[in-house]
Amino acid sequence: SQHTLRDCLQTCFEDGPRRDRRLWVGDLRLQAL
């Protein structure tokens, strides 16, 4: 779980570093927690 978050944690919380490589509210809530 931490490795997943680590690789999505770039200059924002990306939804996925492969795709979509952008910031989504739904993903952000779980990433932030």
All heavy atoms as atom14 arrays in JSON, in Angstrom:
{
  "sequence": "SQHTLRDCLQTCFEDGPRRDRRLWVGDLRLQAL",
  "atom14_mask": [
    [1, 1, 1, 1, 1, 1, 0, 0, 0, 0, 0, 0, 0, 0],
    [1, 1, 1, 1, 1, 1, 1, 1, 1, 0, 0, 0, 0, 0],
    [1, 1, 1, 1, 1, 1, 1, 1, 1, 1, 0, 0, 0, 0],
    [1, 1, 1, 1, 1, 1, 1, 0, 0, 0, 0, 0, 0, 0],
    [1, 1, 1, 1, 1, 1, 1, 1, 0, 0, 0, 0, 0, 0],
    [1, 1, 1, 1, 1, 1, 1, 1, 1, 1, 1, 0, 0, 0],
    [1, 1, 1, 1, 1, 1, 1, 1, 0, 0, 0, 0, 0, 0],
    [1, 1, 1, 1, 1, 1, 0, 0, 0, 0, 0, 0, 0, 0],
    [1, 1, 1, 1, 1, 1, 1, 1, 0, 0, 0, 0, 0, 0],
    [1, 1, 1, 1, 1, 1, 1, 1, 1, 0, 0, 0, 0, 0],
    [1, 1, 1, 1, 1, 1, 1, 0, 0, 0, 0, 0, 0, 0],
    [1, 1, 1, 1, 1, 1, 0, 0, 0, 0, 0, 0, 0, 0],
    [1, 1, 1, 1, 1, 1, 1, 1, 1, 1, 1, 0, 0, 0],
    [1, 1, 1, 1, 1, 1, 1, 1, 1, 0, 0, 0, 0, 0],
    [1, 1, 1, 1, 1, 1, 1, 1, 0, 0, 0, 0, 0, 0],
    [1, 1, 1, 1, 0, 0, 0, 0, 0, 0, 0, 0, 0, 0],
    [1, 1, 1, 1, 1, 1, 1, 0, 0, 0, 0, 0, 0, 0],
    [1, 1, 1, 1, 1, 1, 1, 1, 1, 1, 1, 0, 0, 0],
    [1, 1, 1, 1, 1, 1, 1, 1, 1, 1, 1, 0, 0, 0],
    [1, 1, 1, 1, 1, 1, 1, 1, 0, 0, 0, 0, 0, 0],
    [1, 1, 1, 1, 1, 1, 1, 1, 1, 1, 1, 0, 0, 0],
    [1, 1, 1, 1, 1, 1, 1, 1, 1, 1, 1, 0, 0, 0],
    [1, 1, 1, 1, 1, 1, 1, 1, 0, 0, 0, 0, 0, 0],
    [1, 1, 1, 1, 1, 1, 1, 1, 1, 1, 1, 1, 1, 1],
    [1, 1, 1, 1, 1, 1, 1, 0, 0, 0, 0, 0, 0, 0],
    [1, 1, 1, 1, 0, 0, 0, 0, 0, 0, 0, 0, 0, 0],
    [1, 1, 1, 1, 1, 1, 1, 1, 0, 0, 0, 0, 0, 0],
    [1, 1, 1, 1, 1, 1, 1, 1, 0, 0, 0, 0, 0, 0],
    [1, 1, 1, 1, 1, 1, 1, 1, 1, 1, 1, 0, 0, 0],
    [1, 1, 1, 1, 1, 1, 1, 1, 0, 0, 0, 0, 0, 0],
    [1, 1, 1, 1, 1, 1, 1, 1, 1, 0, 0, 0, 0, 0],
    [1, 1, 1, 1, 1, 0, 0, 0, 0, 0, 0, 0, 0, 0],
    [1, 1, 1, 1, 1, 1, 1, 1, 0, 0, 0, 0, 0, 0]
  ],
  "atom14_positions": [
    [[0.83, -1.21, 0.0], [0.0, 0.0, 0.0], [0.86, 1.25, 0.0], [0.6, 2.21, -0.74], [-0.91, 0.01, 1.23], [-1.81, -1.07, 1.23], [0.0, 0.0, 0.0], [0.0, 0.0, 0.0], [0.0, 0.0, 0.0], [0.0, 0.0, 0.0], [0.0, 0.0, 0.0], [0.0, 0.0, 0.0], [0.0, 0.0, 0.0], [0.0, 0.0, 0.0]],
    [[1.9, 1.24, 0.82], [2.8, 2.4, 0.88], [3.57, 2.58, -0.42], [3.79, 3.72, -0.88], [3.77, 2.25, 2.04], [3.11, 2.39, 3.39], [4.11, 2.25, 4.52], [5.22, 2.76, 4.45], [3.72, 1.55, 5.57], [0.0, 0.0, 0.0], [0.0, 0.0, 0.0], [0.0, 0.0, 0.0], [0.0, 0.0, 0.0], [0.0, 0.0, 0.0]],
    [[4.01, 1.5, -1.03], [4.71, 1.62, -2.31], [3.78, 2.19, -3.38], [4.22, 2.97, -4.25], [5.23, 0.25, -2.76], [6.36, -0.26, -1.92], [6.89, -1.54, -2.04], [7.07, 0.33, -0.93], [7.86, -1.7, -1.18], [8.0, -0.59, -0.48], [0.0, 0.0, 0.0], [0.0, 0.0, 0.0], [0.0, 0.0, 0.0], [0.0, 0.0, 0.0]],
    [[2.52, 1.81, -3.32], [1.53, 2.35, -4.26], [1.41, 3.85, -4.07], [1.46, 4.63, -5.04], [0.17, 1.67, -4.05], [0.32, 0.25, -4.17], [-0.86, 2.17, -5.05], [0.0, 0.0, 0.0], [0.0, 0.0, 0.0], [0.0, 0.0, 0.0], [0.0, 0.0, 0.0], [0.0, 0.0, 0.0], [0.0, 0.0, 0.0], [0.0, 0.0, 0.0]],
    [[1.24, 4.27, -2.82], [1.13, 5.7, -2.53], [2.41, 6.43, -2.91], [2.36, 7.53, -3.5], [0.82, 5.9, -1.05], [0.69, 7.35, -0.57], [-0.43, 8.08, -1.3], [0.46, 7.39, 0.94], [0.0, 0.0, 0.0], [0.0, 0.0, 0.0], [0.0, 0.0, 0.0], [0.0, 0.0, 0.0], [0.0, 0.0, 0.0], [0.0, 0.0, 0.0]],
    [[3.55, 5.86, -2.59], [4.85, 6.48, -2.9], [4.97, 6.8, -4.39], [5.38, 7.9, -4.78], [5.98, 5.55, -2.48], [7.38, 6.01, -2.84], [8.36, 4.84, -2.82], [8.06, 3.87, -3.87], [8.58, 2.63, -3.92], [9.4, 2.22, -2.96], [8.28, 1.83, -4.92], [0.0, 0.0, 0.0], [0.0, 0.0, 0.0], [0.0, 0.0, 0.0]],
    [[4.61, 5.86, -5.24], [4.8, 6.05, -6.67], [3.76, 6.98, -7.28], [3.96, 7.53, -8.36], [4.81, 4.7, -7.39], [6.05, 3.88, -7.07], [6.97, 4.43, -6.42], [6.11, 2.7, -7.45], [0.0, 0.0, 0.0], [0.0, 0.0, 0.0], [0.0, 0.0, 0.0], [0.0, 0.0, 0.0], [0.0, 0.0, 0.0], [0.0, 0.0, 0.0]],
    [[2.62, 7.17, -6.58], [1.62, 8.15, -7.02], [1.88, 9.54, -6.46], [1.27, 10.51, -6.91], [0.22, 7.7, -6.58], [-0.4, 6.21, -7.39], [0.0, 0.0, 0.0], [0.0, 0.0, 0.0], [0.0, 0.0, 0.0], [0.0, 0.0, 0.0], [0.0, 0.0, 0.0], [0.0, 0.0, 0.0], [0.0, 0.0, 0.0], [0.0, 0.0, 0.0]],
    [[2.77, 9.64, -5.47], [3.05, 10.9, -4.79], [4.15, 11.63, -5.56], [5.34, 11.43, -5.34], [3.45, 10.63, -3.34], [3.74, 11.81, -2.42], [2.69, 12.89, -2.53], [3.88, 11.33, -0.99], [0.0, 0.0, 0.0], [0.0, 0.0, 0.0], [0.0, 0.0, 0.0], [0.0, 0.0, 0.0], [0.0, 0.0, 0.0], [0.0, 0.0, 0.0]],
    [[3.71, 12.48, -6.48], [4.64, 13.24, -7.31], [4.52, 14.72, -6.92], [4.55, 15.03, -5.74], [4.33, 12.97, -8.78], [4.46, 11.49, -9.18], [5.88, 10.95, -9.06], [6.85, 11.64, -9.36], [6.02, 9.7, -8.61], [0.0, 0.0, 0.0], [0.0, 0.0, 0.0], [0.0, 0.0, 0.0], [0.0, 0.0, 0.0], [0.0, 0.0, 0.0]],
    [[4.37, 15.64, -7.85], [4.18, 17.04, -7.46], [2.74, 17.32, -7.04], [2.41, 18.41, -6.57], [4.61, 17.99, -8.58], [4.02, 17.56, -9.81], [6.12, 17.98, -8.72], [0.0, 0.0, 0.0], [0.0, 0.0, 0.0], [0.0, 0.0, 0.0], [0.0, 0.0, 0.0], [0.0, 0.0, 0.0], [0.0, 0.0, 0.0], [0.0, 0.0, 0.0]],
    [[1.88, 16.35, -7.24], [0.56, 16.31, -6.6], [0.29, 14.83, -6.33], [1.13, 13.98, -6.61], [-0.52, 16.93, -7.5], [-0.97, 15.93, -8.94], [0.0, 0.0, 0.0], [0.0, 0.0, 0.0], [0.0, 0.0, 0.0], [0.0, 0.0, 0.0], [0.0, 0.0, 0.0], [0.0, 0.0, 0.0], [0.0, 0.0, 0.0], [0.0, 0.0, 0.0]],
    [[-0.87, 14.54, -5.79], [-1.26, 13.14, -5.62], [-1.9, 12.66, -6.92], [-3.08, 12.92, -7.18], [-2.26, 12.99, -4.46], [-1.63, 13.01, -3.11], [-1.68, 14.16, -2.33], [-0.98, 11.9, -2.6], [-1.1, 14.2, -1.06], [-0.41, 11.93, -1.34], [-0.46, 13.08, -0.57], [0.0, 0.0, 0.0], [0.0, 0.0, 0.0], [0.0, 0.0, 0.0]],
    [[-1.1, 12.0, -7.76], [-1.63, 11.49, -9.02], [-2.49, 10.26, -8.76], [-2.25, 9.51, -7.82], [-0.5, 11.13, -9.97], [0.32, 12.33, -10.41], [1.41, 11.98, -11.42], [1.53, 10.78, -11.78], [2.14, 12.88, -11.84], [0.0, 0.0, 0.0], [0.0, 0.0, 0.0], [0.0, 0.0, 0.0], [0.0, 0.0, 0.0], [0.0, 0.0, 0.0]],
    [[-3.46, 10.04, -9.66], [-4.26, 8.82, -9.51], [-3.46, 7.6, -9.9], [-3.56, 6.55, -9.29], [-5.57, 8.92, -10.31], [-5.35, 9.08, -11.8], [-4.32, 9.64, -12.21], [-6.24, 8.67, -12.58], [0.0, 0.0, 0.0], [0.0, 0.0, 0.0], [0.0, 0.0, 0.0], [0.0, 0.0, 0.0], [0.0, 0.0, 0.0], [0.0, 0.0, 0.0]],
    [[-2.65, 7.72, -10.94], [-1.78, 6.63, -11.34], [-0.61, 7.19, -12.13], [-0.81, 8.03, -13.01], [0.0, 0.0, 0.0], [0.0, 0.0, 0.0], [0.0, 0.0, 0.0], [0.0, 0.0, 0.0], [0.0, 0.0, 0.0], [0.0, 0.0, 0.0], [0.0, 0.0, 0.0], [0.0, 0.0, 0.0], [0.0, 0.0, 0.0], [0.0, 0.0, 0.0]],
    [[0.62, 6.76, -11.86], [1.77, 7.3, -12.59], [1.84, 6.82, -14.03], [2.59, 7.37, -14.82], [2.97, 6.79, -11.78], [2.48, 5.58, -11.06], [1.02, 5.84, -10.78], [0.0, 0.0, 0.0], [0.0, 0.0, 0.0], [0.0, 0.0, 0.0], [0.0, 0.0, 0.0], [0.0, 0.0, 0.0], [0.0, 0.0, 0.0], [0.0, 0.0, 0.0]],
    [[1.04, 5.81, -14.38], [0.96, 5.35, -15.77], [-0.19, 6.03, -16.49], [-0.06, 6.5, -17.62], [0.79, 3.83, -15.79], [0.39, 3.24, -17.14], [0.5, 1.74, -17.08], [-0.08, 1.02, -18.21], [0.08, -0.28, -18.4], [0.79, -0.98, -17.53], [-0.47, -0.89, -19.42], [0.0, 0.0, 0.0], [0.0, 0.0, 0.0], [0.0, 0.0, 0.0]],
    [[-1.34, 6.1, -15.84], [-2.57, 6.65, -16.4], [-3.55, 6.83, -15.26], [-3.74, 5.9, -14.5], [-3.15, 5.65, -17.43], [-4.03, 6.17, -18.51], [-5.24, 5.29, -18.78], [-6.24, 5.58, -17.76], [-6.59, 4.72, -16.83], [-6.11, 3.49, -16.8], [-7.48, 5.08, -15.9], [0.0, 0.0, 0.0], [0.0, 0.0, 0.0], [0.0, 0.0, 0.0]],
    [[-4.09, 8.01, -15.02], [-4.2, 9.19, -15.85], [-3.13, 10.23, -15.57], [-3.15, 11.29, -16.19], [-5.57, 9.84, -15.65], [-6.73, 8.96, -16.02], [-6.68, 8.3, -17.07], [-7.7, 8.9, -15.25], [0.0, 0.0, 0.0], [0.0, 0.0, 0.0], [0.0, 0.0, 0.0], [0.0, 0.0, 0.0], [0.0, 0.0, 0.0], [0.0, 0.0, 0.0]],
    [[-2.3, 10.02, -14.54], [-1.23, 10.95, -14.22], [-1.78, 12.34, -13.88], [-1.17, 13.36, -14.2], [-0.23, 11.06, -15.38], [0.41, 9.74, -15.74], [1.05, 9.79, -17.11], [2.13, 10.77, -17.16], [3.4, 10.47, -17.41], [3.75, 9.21, -17.62], [4.31, 11.41, -17.46], [0.0, 0.0, 0.0], [0.0, 0.0, 0.0], [0.0, 0.0, 0.0]],
    [[-2.94, 12.36, -13.22], [-3.53, 13.64, -12.83], [-4.2, 13.5, -11.47], [-4.27, 12.41, -10.9], [-4.51, 14.13, -13.9], [-5.77, 13.3, -14.01], [-6.59, 13.68, -15.25], [-5.89, 13.34, -16.47], [-6.5, 12.94, -17.6], [-7.81, 12.84, -17.65], [-5.8, 12.64, -18.65], [0.0, 0.0, 0.0], [0.0, 0.0, 0.0], [0.0, 0.0, 0.0]],
    [[-4.71, 14.59, -11.0], [-5.29, 14.69, -9.66], [-6.8, 14.52, -9.72], [-7.48, 15.26, -10.42], [-4.92, 16.07, -9.08], [-5.58, 16.51, -7.79], [-5.2, 15.59, -6.65], [-5.17, 17.96, -7.48], [0.0, 0.0, 0.0], [0.0, 0.0, 0.0], [0.0, 0.0, 0.0], [0.0, 0.0, 0.0], [0.0, 0.0, 0.0], [0.0, 0.0, 0.0]],
    [[-7.31, 13.52, -8.99], [-8.76, 13.29, -8.88], [-9.17, 13.39, -7.41], [-8.47, 12.91, -6.52], [-9.12, 11.89, -9.39], [-9.07, 11.72, -10.88], [-7.98, 11.36, -11.62], [-10.15, 11.85, -11.8], [-8.32, 11.26, -12.96], [-9.65, 11.57, -13.1], [-11.51, 12.19, -11.66], [-10.45, 11.6, -14.24], [-12.3, 12.23, -12.8], [-11.78, 11.94, -14.07]],
    [[-10.36, 13.97, -7.18], [-10.83, 14.15, -5.8], [-11.01, 12.81, -5.1], [-10.61, 12.63, -3.94], [-12.15, 14.93, -5.76], [-12.68, 15.01, -4.31], [-11.99, 16.33, -6.33], [0.0, 0.0, 0.0], [0.0, 0.0, 0.0], [0.0, 0.0, 0.0], [0.0, 0.0, 0.0], [0.0, 0.0, 0.0], [0.0, 0.0, 0.0], [0.0, 0.0, 0.0]],
    [[-11.64, 11.84, -5.77], [-11.92, 10.56, -5.13], [-10.66, 9.85, -4.69], [-10.59, 9.3, -3.59], [0.0, 0.0, 0.0], [0.0, 0.0, 0.0], [0.0, 0.0, 0.0], [0.0, 0.0, 0.0], [0.0, 0.0, 0.0], [0.0, 0.0, 0.0], [0.0, 0.0, 0.0], [0.0, 0.0, 0.0], [0.0, 0.0, 0.0], [0.0, 0.0, 0.0]],
    [[-9.65, 9.85, -5.55], [-8.37, 9.25, -5.19], [-7.71, 10.05, -4.07], [-7.12, 9.48, -3.14], [-7.44, 9.23, -6.41], [-7.98, 8.41, -7.55], [-8.87, 8.92, -8.27], [-7.53, 7.27, -7.73], [0.0, 0.0, 0.0], [0.0, 0.0, 0.0], [0.0, 0.0, 0.0], [0.0, 0.0, 0.0], [0.0, 0.0, 0.0], [0.0, 0.0, 0.0]],
    [[-7.82, 11.39, -4.17], [-7.14, 12.24, -3.19], [-7.59, 11.94, -1.77], [-6.76, 11.9, -0.85], [-7.41, 13.72, -3.51], [-6.88, 14.72, -2.48], [-5.36, 14.62, -2.35], [-7.31, 16.15, -2.84], [0.0, 0.0, 0.0], [0.0, 0.0, 0.0], [0.0, 0.0, 0.0], [0.0, 0.0, 0.0], [0.0, 0.0, 0.0], [0.0, 0.0, 0.0]],
    [[-8.88, 11.72, -1.56], [-9.34, 11.47, -0.2], [-8.63, 10.26, 0.4], [-8.13, 10.3, 1.53], [-10.86, 11.26, -0.17], [-11.39, 11.26, 1.27], [-12.38, 10.2, 1.61], [-12.51, 10.08, 3.07], [-13.05, 9.06, 3.67], [-13.54, 8.04, 2.98], [-13.09, 9.0, 4.99], [0.0, 0.0, 0.0], [0.0, 0.0, 0.0], [0.0, 0.0, 0.0]],
    [[-8.54, 9.17, -0.36], [-7.92, 7.95, 0.16], [-6.41, 8.11, 0.26], [-5.78, 7.61, 1.22], [-8.29, 6.76, -0.71], [-9.8, 6.49, -0.85], [-10.04, 5.19, -1.59], [-10.49, 6.47, 0.51], [0.0, 0.0, 0.0], [0.0, 0.0, 0.0], [0.0, 0.0, 0.0], [0.0, 0.0, 0.0], [0.0, 0.0, 0.0], [0.0, 0.0, 0.0]],
    [[-5.8, 8.8, -0.69], [-4.36, 9.05, -0.6], [-4.03, 9.9, 0.63], [-3.04, 9.65, 1.32], [-3.89, 9.78, -1.86], [-3.84, 8.91, -3.11], [-3.56, 9.74, -4.34], [-4.37, 10.58, -4.72], [-2.43, 9.52, -4.99], [0.0, 0.0, 0.0], [0.0, 0.0, 0.0], [0.0, 0.0, 0.0], [0.0, 0.0, 0.0], [0.0, 0.0, 0.0]],
    [[-4.85, 10.92, 0.86], [-4.59, 11.8, 1.99], [-4.67, 11.03, 3.32], [-3.81, 11.19, 4.19], [-5.59, 12.97, 1.99], [0.0, 0.0, 0.0], [0.0, 0.0, 0.0], [0.0, 0.0, 0.0], [0.0, 0.0, 0.0], [0.0, 0.0, 0.0], [0.0, 0.0, 0.0], [0.0, 0.0, 0.0], [0.0, 0.0, 0.0], [0.0, 0.0, 0.0]],
    [[-5.68, 10.18, 3.46], [-5.8, 9.38, 4.68], [-4.57, 8.49, 4.86], [-4.01, 8.4, 5.96], [-7.08, 8.54, 4.64], [-8.4, 9.29, 4.73], [-9.58, 8.33, 4.52], [-8.54, 10.02, 6.06], [0.0, 0.0, 0.0], [0.0, 0.0, 0.0], [0.0, 0.0, 0.0], [0.0, 0.0, 0.0], [0.0, 0.0, 0.0], [0.0, 0.0, 0.0]]
  ]
}
